[in-house]
C-alpha atoms as a PDB file:
ATOM      1  CA  MET A   1      -5.980  -3.533 -19.429  1.00  0.00           C
ATOM      2  CA  LEU A   2      -7.376  -0.325 -20.037  1.00  0.00           C
ATOM      3  CA  MET A   3     -10.454  -1.319 -17.417  1.00  0.00           C
ATOM      4  CA  ILE A   4      -8.343  -1.896 -14.883  1.00  0.00           C
ATOM      5  CA  PRO A   5      -8.149   1.864 -13.765  1.00  0.00           C
ATOM      6  CA  LEU A   6     -11.591   2.117 -14.394  1.00  0.00           C
ATOM      7  CA  VAL A   7     -12.712  -0.654 -12.045  1.00  0.00           C
ATOM      8  CA  VAL A   8      -9.998   0.781  -9.202  1.00  0.00           C
ATOM      9  CA  VAL A   9     -11.093   3.829  -9.050  1.00  0.00           C
ATOM     10  CA  LEU A  10     -14.911   3.079  -9.767  1.00  0.00           C
ATOM     11  CA  PHE A  11     -14.311   0.832  -6.539  1.00  0.00           C
ATOM     12  CA  TYR A  12     -13.145   3.421  -3.969  1.00  0.00           C
ATOM     13  CA  LEU A  13     -15.074   6.079  -5.019  1.00  0.00           C
ATOM     14  CA  PRO A  14     -17.780   7.088  -1.920  1.00  0.00           C
ATOM     15  CA  TYR A  15     -20.634   6.696  -3.892  1.00  0.00           C
ATOM     16  CA  SER A  16     -23.789   4.235  -3.106  1.00  0.00           C
ATOM     17  CA  TRP A  17     -23.268   3.608  -7.014  1.00  0.00           C
ATOM     18  CA  SER A  18     -19.430   3.210  -7.678  1.00  0.00           C
ATOM     19  CA  ASN A  19     -19.487  -0.495  -6.270  1.00  0.00           C
ATOM     20  CA  PRO A  20     -21.865  -1.813  -8.753  1.00  0.00           C
ATOM     21  CA  ALA A  21     -20.397   0.369 -11.871  1.00  0.00           C
ATOM     22  CA  ALA A  22     -17.289  -1.476 -10.880  1.00  0.00           C
ATOM     23  CA  ALA A  23     -18.724  -4.626 -10.916  1.00  0.00           C
ATOM     24  CA  ILE A  24     -20.125  -3.198 -14.239  1.00  0.00           C
ATOM     25  CA  ALA A  25     -16.949  -2.329 -15.683  1.00  0.00           C
ATOM     26  CA  PHE A  26     -15.228  -5.893 -14.921  1.00  0.00           C
ATOM     27  CA  ILE A  27     -18.192  -7.394 -16.452  1.00  0.00           C
ATOM     28  CA  LEU A  28     -17.965  -5.304 -19.491  1.00  0.00           C
ATOM     29  CA  ALA A  29     -14.253  -6.105 -19.544  1.00  0.00           C
ATOM     30  CA  ALA A  30     -14.368  -9.711 -19.059  1.00  0.00           C
ATOM     31  CA  LEU A  31     -17.179  -9.323 -21.519  1.00  0.00           C
ATOM     32  CA  THR A  32     -15.503  -7.442 -24.623  1.00  0.00           C
ATOM     33  CA  ASP A  33     -12.627  -9.689 -23.831  1.00  0.00           C
ATOM     34  CA  TRP A  34     -14.051 -12.845 -24.345  1.00  0.00           C
ATOM     35  CA  LEU A  35     -16.221 -10.938 -27.753  1.00  0.00           C
ATOM     36  CA  ASP A  36     -12.342 -10.464 -28.742  1.00  0.00           C
ATOM     37  CA  GLY A  37     -10.957 -13.594 -28.492  1.00  0.00           C
ATOM     38  CA  TYR A  38     -14.316 -15.857 -30.176  1.00  0.00           C
ATOM     39  CA  LEU A  39     -14.076 -13.175 -33.327  1.00  0.00           C
ATOM     40  CA  ALA A  40     -10.628 -13.476 -33.611  1.00  0.00           C
ATOM     41  CA  ARG A  41     -10.210 -17.080 -33.623  1.00  0.00           C
ATOM     42  CA  ARG A  42     -13.852 -17.800 -35.271  1.00  0.00           C
ATOM     43  CA  LEU A  43     -12.543 -14.568 -38.331  1.00  0.00           C
ATOM     44  CA  GLY A  44      -9.050 -15.774 -38.443  1.00  0.00           C
ATOM     45  CA  GLN A  45      -7.588 -12.795 -37.063  1.00  0.00           C
ATOM     46  CA  THR A  46      -5.342 -14.104 -34.412  1.00  0.00           C
ATOM     47  CA  SER A  47      -2.181 -12.507 -33.704  1.00  0.00           C
ATOM     48  CA  ARG A  48       1.038 -13.634 -31.856  1.00  0.00           C
ATOM     49  CA  LEU A  49       0.670 -10.607 -29.941  1.00  0.00           C
ATOM     50  CA  GLY A  50      -2.764 -10.859 -29.304  1.00  0.00           C
ATOM     51  CA  ALA A  51      -1.882 -14.757 -28.329  1.00  0.00           C
ATOM     52  CA  PHE A  52       0.770 -13.091 -25.661  1.00  0.00           C
ATOM     53  CA  LEU A  53      -1.786 -10.023 -24.300  1.00  0.00           C
ATOM     54  CA  ASP A  54      -4.882 -11.581 -23.842  1.00  0.00           C
ATOM     55  CA  PRO A  55      -3.800 -13.799 -21.044  1.00  0.00           C
ATOM     56  CA  VAL A  56      -1.783 -11.322 -19.727  1.00  0.00           C
ATOM     57  CA  ALA A  57      -4.878  -8.553 -19.289  1.00  0.00           C
ATOM     58  CA  ASP A  58      -6.954 -11.839 -18.195  1.00  0.00           C
ATOM     59  CA  LYS A  59      -4.306 -12.503 -15.487  1.00  0.00           C
ATOM     60  CA  LEU A  60      -4.263  -8.610 -14.074  1.00  0.00           C
ATOM     61  CA  MET A  61      -8.135  -7.940 -13.968  1.00  0.00           C
ATOM     62  CA  VAL A  62      -8.905 -10.926 -12.295  1.00  0.00           C
ATOM     63  CA  ALA A  63      -5.285  -9.787  -9.491  1.00  0.00           C
ATOM     64  CA  VAL A  64      -6.516  -6.613  -9.411  1.00  0.00           C
ATOM     65  CA  ALA A  65     -10.431  -7.478  -8.744  1.00  0.00           C
ATOM     66  CA  LEU A  66      -8.735 -10.146  -6.509  1.00  0.00           C
ATOM     67  CA  VAL A  67      -7.025  -7.007  -4.461  1.00  0.00           C
ATOM     68  CA  LEU A  68      -9.935  -5.062  -4.485  1.00  0.00           C
ATOM     69  CA  LEU A  69     -11.610  -7.549  -2.559  1.00  0.00           C
ATOM     70  CA  VAL A  70      -9.104  -8.609  -0.100  1.00  0.00           C
ATOM     71  CA  SER A  71      -8.083  -4.397   0.345  1.00  0.00           C
ATOM     72  CA  HIS A  72     -12.095  -4.687   1.335  1.00  0.00           C
ATOM     73  CA  ARG A  73     -13.801  -5.227   4.748  1.00  0.00           C
ATOM     74  CA  SER A  74     -15.513  -8.655   3.536  1.00  0.00           C
ATOM     75  CA  GLN A  75     -19.107  -9.078   4.451  1.00  0.00           C
ATOM     76  CA  ASP A  76     -20.225 -11.823   6.772  1.00  0.00           C
ATOM     77  CA  LEU A  77     -21.607 -14.875   5.511  1.00  0.00           C
ATOM     78  CA  LYS A  78     -24.367 -16.084   6.503  1.00  0.00           C
ATOM     79  CA  LEU A  79     -24.765 -19.597   5.230  1.00  0.00           C
ATOM     80  CA  ILE A  80     -21.121 -20.889   6.391  1.00  0.00           C
ATOM     81  CA  PRO A  81     -19.511 -19.516  10.087  1.00  0.00           C
ATOM     82  CA  PHE A  82     -16.026 -19.094   9.072  1.00  0.00           C
ATOM     83  CA  ASN A  83     -14.065 -15.655   8.943  1.00  0.00           C
ATOM     84  CA  PRO A  84     -15.007 -14.161   5.575  1.00  0.00           C
ATOM     85  CA  ASP A  85     -11.583 -11.912   5.658  1.00  0.00           C
ATOM     86  CA  LEU A  86      -9.346 -15.027   5.847  1.00  0.00           C
ATOM     87  CA  LEU A  87     -11.555 -17.364   3.125  1.00  0.00           C
ATOM     88  CA  ILE A  88     -10.703 -14.729   0.443  1.00  0.00           C
ATOM     89  CA  THR A  89      -7.092 -13.968   1.491  1.00  0.00           C
ATOM     90  CA  LEU A  90      -6.945 -17.515   0.913  1.00  0.00           C
ATOM     91  CA  THR A  91      -8.775 -18.364  -2.084  1.00  0.00           C
ATOM     92  CA  ALA A  92      -6.825 -14.685  -3.675  1.00  0.00           C
ATOM     93  CA  ALA A  93      -3.791 -16.358  -2.841  1.00  0.00           C
ATOM     94  CA  ILE A  94      -4.738 -19.967  -4.226  1.00  0.00           C
ATOM     95  CA  ILE A  95      -5.814 -18.081  -7.870  1.00  0.00           C
ATOM     96  CA  ILE A  96      -3.090 -16.162  -7.946  1.00  0.00           C
ATOM     97  CA  GLY A  97      -0.486 -18.284  -7.070  1.00  0.00           C
ATOM     98  CA  ARG A  98      -2.047 -20.404  -9.129  1.00  0.00           C
ATOM     99  CA  GLU A  99      -1.632 -18.372 -12.027  1.00  0.00           C
ATOM    100  CA  ILE A 100       1.946 -17.530 -11.857  1.00  0.00           C
ATOM    101  CA  THR A 101       2.967 -21.252 -11.570  1.00  0.00           C
ATOM    102  CA  ILE A 102       0.834 -22.083 -14.638  1.00  0.00           C
ATOM    103  CA  SER A 103       2.044 -19.233 -16.516  1.00  0.00           C
ATOM    104  CA  ALA A 104       5.953 -19.942 -15.597  1.00  0.00           C
ATOM    105  CA  LEU A 105       5.080 -23.830 -16.850  1.00  0.00           C
ATOM    106  CA  ARG A 106       3.618 -22.649 -20.252  1.00  0.00           C
ATOM    107  CA  GLU A 107       6.627 -20.802 -20.370  1.00  0.00           C
ATOM    108  CA  TRP A 108       8.829 -23.613 -19.225  1.00  0.00           C
ATOM    109  CA  MET A 109       7.005 -25.868 -21.602  1.00  0.00           C
ATOM    110  CA  ALA A 110       7.728 -23.761 -24.639  1.00  0.00           C
ATOM    111  CA  GLU A 111      10.919 -23.492 -24.368  1.00  0.00           C
ATOM    112  CA  VAL A 112      11.261 -27.547 -24.421  1.00  0.00           C
ATOM    113  CA  GLY A 113       9.182 -27.621 -27.590  1.00  0.00           C
ATOM    114  CA  ALA A 114       5.850 -29.323 -25.953  1.00  0.00           C
ATOM    115  CA  ARG A 115       3.351 -25.534 -24.975  1.00  0.00           C
ATOM    116  CA  GLY A 116       0.639 -28.009 -26.302  1.00  0.00           C
ATOM    117  CA  LYS A 117       0.001 -30.464 -23.848  1.00  0.00           C
ATOM    118  CA  VAL A 118      -0.498 -27.101 -21.563  1.00  0.00           C
ATOM    119  CA  ALA A 119      -3.656 -25.539 -23.467  1.00  0.00           C
ATOM    120  CA  VAL A 120      -6.370 -24.207 -21.882  1.00  0.00           C
ATOM    121  CA  SER A 121      -8.241 -27.003 -20.990  1.00  0.00           C
ATOM    122  CA  SER A 122     -11.884 -27.536 -20.132  1.00  0.00           C
ATOM    123  CA  VAL A 123     -11.629 -27.287 -16.370  1.00  0.00           C
ATOM    124  CA  GLY A 124      -9.587 -24.351 -16.712  1.00  0.00           C
ATOM    125  CA  LYS A 125     -12.367 -22.696 -19.012  1.00  0.00           C
ATOM    126  CA  LEU A 126     -15.219 -23.396 -15.851  1.00  0.00           C
ATOM    127  CA  LYS A 127     -12.722 -22.511 -13.178  1.00  0.00           C
ATOM    128  CA  THR A 128     -12.943 -18.708 -15.758  1.00  0.00           C
ATOM    129  CA  ILE A 129     -16.777 -18.861 -16.014  1.00  0.00           C
ATOM    130  CA  PHE A 130     -16.646 -19.010 -11.733  1.00  0.00           C
ATOM    131  CA  GLN A 131     -14.583 -16.731 -11.619  1.00  0.00           C
ATOM    132  CA  MET A 132     -15.494 -13.790 -13.281  1.00  0.00           C
ATOM    133  CA  THR A 133     -18.929 -15.004 -11.837  1.00  0.00           C
ATOM    134  CA  GLY A 134     -17.450 -14.958  -8.566  1.00  0.00           C
ATOM    135  CA  LEU A 135     -15.766 -11.388  -8.824  1.00  0.00           C
ATOM    136  CA  SER A 136     -18.478  -9.693 -10.398  1.00  0.00           C
ATOM    137  CA  MET A 137     -20.785 -10.602  -7.326  1.00  0.00           C
ATOM    138  CA  MET A 138     -18.190  -9.455  -4.938  1.00  0.00           C
ATOM    139  CA  LEU A 139     -17.215  -6.317  -6.177  1.00  0.00           C
ATOM    140  CA  PHE A 140     -21.080  -5.522  -6.810  1.00  0.00           C
ATOM    141  CA  ARG A 141     -21.425  -5.632  -3.090  1.00  0.00           C
ATOM    142  CA  SER A 142     -24.973  -5.585  -2.571  1.00  0.00           C
ATOM    143  CA  ASP A 143     -27.711  -7.846  -2.624  1.00  0.00           C
ATOM    144  CA  VAL A 144     -29.999  -8.002  -5.892  1.00  0.00           C
ATOM    145  CA  TRP A 145     -33.433  -7.554  -4.523  1.00  0.00           C
ATOM    146  CA  PHE A 146     -33.481 -10.852  -2.428  1.00  0.00           C
ATOM    147  CA  VAL A 147     -30.127 -12.430  -3.911  1.00  0.00           C
ATOM    148  CA  PRO A 148     -26.897 -12.457  -1.516  1.00  0.00           C
ATOM    149  CA  ALA A 149     -24.838 -12.053  -4.450  1.00  0.00           C
ATOM    150  CA  TYR A 150     -21.870 -10.884  -2.544  1.00  0.00           C
ATOM    151  CA  GLU A 151     -21.865 -13.914  -0.578  1.00  0.00           C
ATOM    152  CA  MET A 152     -23.148 -15.751  -3.753  1.00  0.00           C
ATOM    153  CA  GLY A 153     -19.972 -14.383  -5.259  1.00  0.00           C
ATOM    154  CA  VAL A 154     -17.563 -15.575  -2.415  1.00  0.00           C
ATOM    155  CA  TYR A 155     -19.594 -19.202  -2.937  1.00  0.00           C
ATOM    156  CA  CYS A 156     -18.164 -19.030  -6.683  1.00  0.00           C
ATOM    157  CA  LEU A 157     -15.036 -18.015  -5.966  1.00  0.00           C
ATOM    158  CA  MET A 158     -14.463 -20.608  -3.649  1.00  0.00           C
ATOM    159  CA  ALA A 159     -15.391 -23.291  -6.438  1.00  0.00           C
ATOM    160  CA  ALA A 160     -12.859 -20.786  -8.631  1.00  0.00           C
ATOM    161  CA  ALA A 161     -10.253 -21.811  -6.430  1.00  0.00           C
ATOM    162  CA  ALA A 162     -10.893 -25.774  -6.153  1.00  0.00           C
ATOM    163  CA  LEU A 163     -11.425 -25.565 -10.151  1.00  0.00           C
ATOM    164  CA  THR A 164      -7.912 -23.280  -9.829  1.00  0.00           C
ATOM    165  CA  LEU A 165      -6.097 -26.629  -8.157  1.00  0.00           C
ATOM    166  CA  TRP A 166      -7.903 -29.486  -9.904  1.00  0.00           C
ATOM    167  CA  SER A 167      -6.711 -27.416 -13.410  1.00  0.00           C
ATOM    168  CA  MET A 168      -2.981 -27.012 -11.661  1.00  0.00           C
ATOM    169  CA  VAL A 169      -3.102 -30.685 -11.376  1.00  0.00           C
ATOM    170  CA  LEU A 170      -4.111 -31.590 -14.424  1.00  0.00           C
ATOM    171  CA  TYR A 171      -1.309 -29.259 -16.076  1.00  0.00           C
ATOM    172  CA  LEU A 172       1.228 -30.757 -13.779  1.00  0.00           C
ATOM    173  CA  LYS A 173       0.727 -34.145 -14.495  1.00  0.00           C
ATOM    174  CA  ALA A 174       0.454 -33.194 -18.356  1.00  0.00           C
ATOM    175  CA  ALA A 175       3.635 -31.735 -18.353  1.00  0.00           C
ATOM    176  CA  TRP A 176       5.475 -34.016 -15.518  1.00  0.00           C
ATOM    177  CA  PRO A 177       6.847 -36.704 -18.514  1.00  0.00           C
ATOM    178  CA  ASP A 178       8.438 -33.796 -20.422  1.00  0.00           C
ATOM    179  CA  LEU A 179       9.932 -31.963 -17.263  1.00  0.00           C
ATOM    180  CA  MET A 180      11.445 -35.096 -16.067  1.00  0.00           C
ATOM    181  CA  ARG A 181      12.313 -35.487 -19.593  1.00  0.00           C
ATOM    182  CA  SER A 182      14.262 -32.111 -19.702  1.00  0.00           C
ATOM    183  CA  GLY A 183      16.067 -32.329 -16.644  1.00  0.00           C
ATOM    184  CA  ALA A 184      13.876 -29.352 -15.285  1.00  0.00           C
ATOM    185  CA  LEU A 185      13.275 -31.391 -11.831  1.00  0.00           C
END
C-alpha cells in the first residue's frame, strides 16, 4: 500500500522517464507482494492481519492503476478498430465491479461458515497474472524496442477482464447453495 502514492506521483510527473518509472514501481510492488505471501506461507509466518491486508493491498493497487489509466488519454490501438478509451473504461469497470462483488461474497460466506468454498482458484491466479502484466505494460506507456507495450497491455487487461468474469461465475456457482440455504436470496 505504501507504493501506491509513489506510482501515482510518478505517473503524473511531466518527464519522459516518469511513466516507465511508475510501471517499474508497480511491478516492484506486485513482485514484493507475491514474494511476501510466498515466504509467509512457506515459512509458516502467516497472520490473520496479513491475510486481511494482502488482498486489500492488491485490490487498492489494481484499482488505483485502473483509475490512472482511465484518467489518461488512451493510445490508439493498431490491431483492433475500437475506441480505446471506452474499452479501457469498460475493462476497468468489470475488474473493479467484480472485486467488490467477490469481496462481499467472501465476507458473506465467512459469516455462514463456508468461506473455503470461495477461496482463490487457479482461474483467479491466472487472471492476476494477466492483470498485473497488462497494467504494468499500460503504465509503461511506451514501446519496448519494437513491441507495442501499451497495446499488448490492453489485450492482457482484456483477457484479465474475461477471466475475471469467468472466475466470478465460478465463485457464485460454488456459493449458490449456501446463499440459497442461508436465505440471502
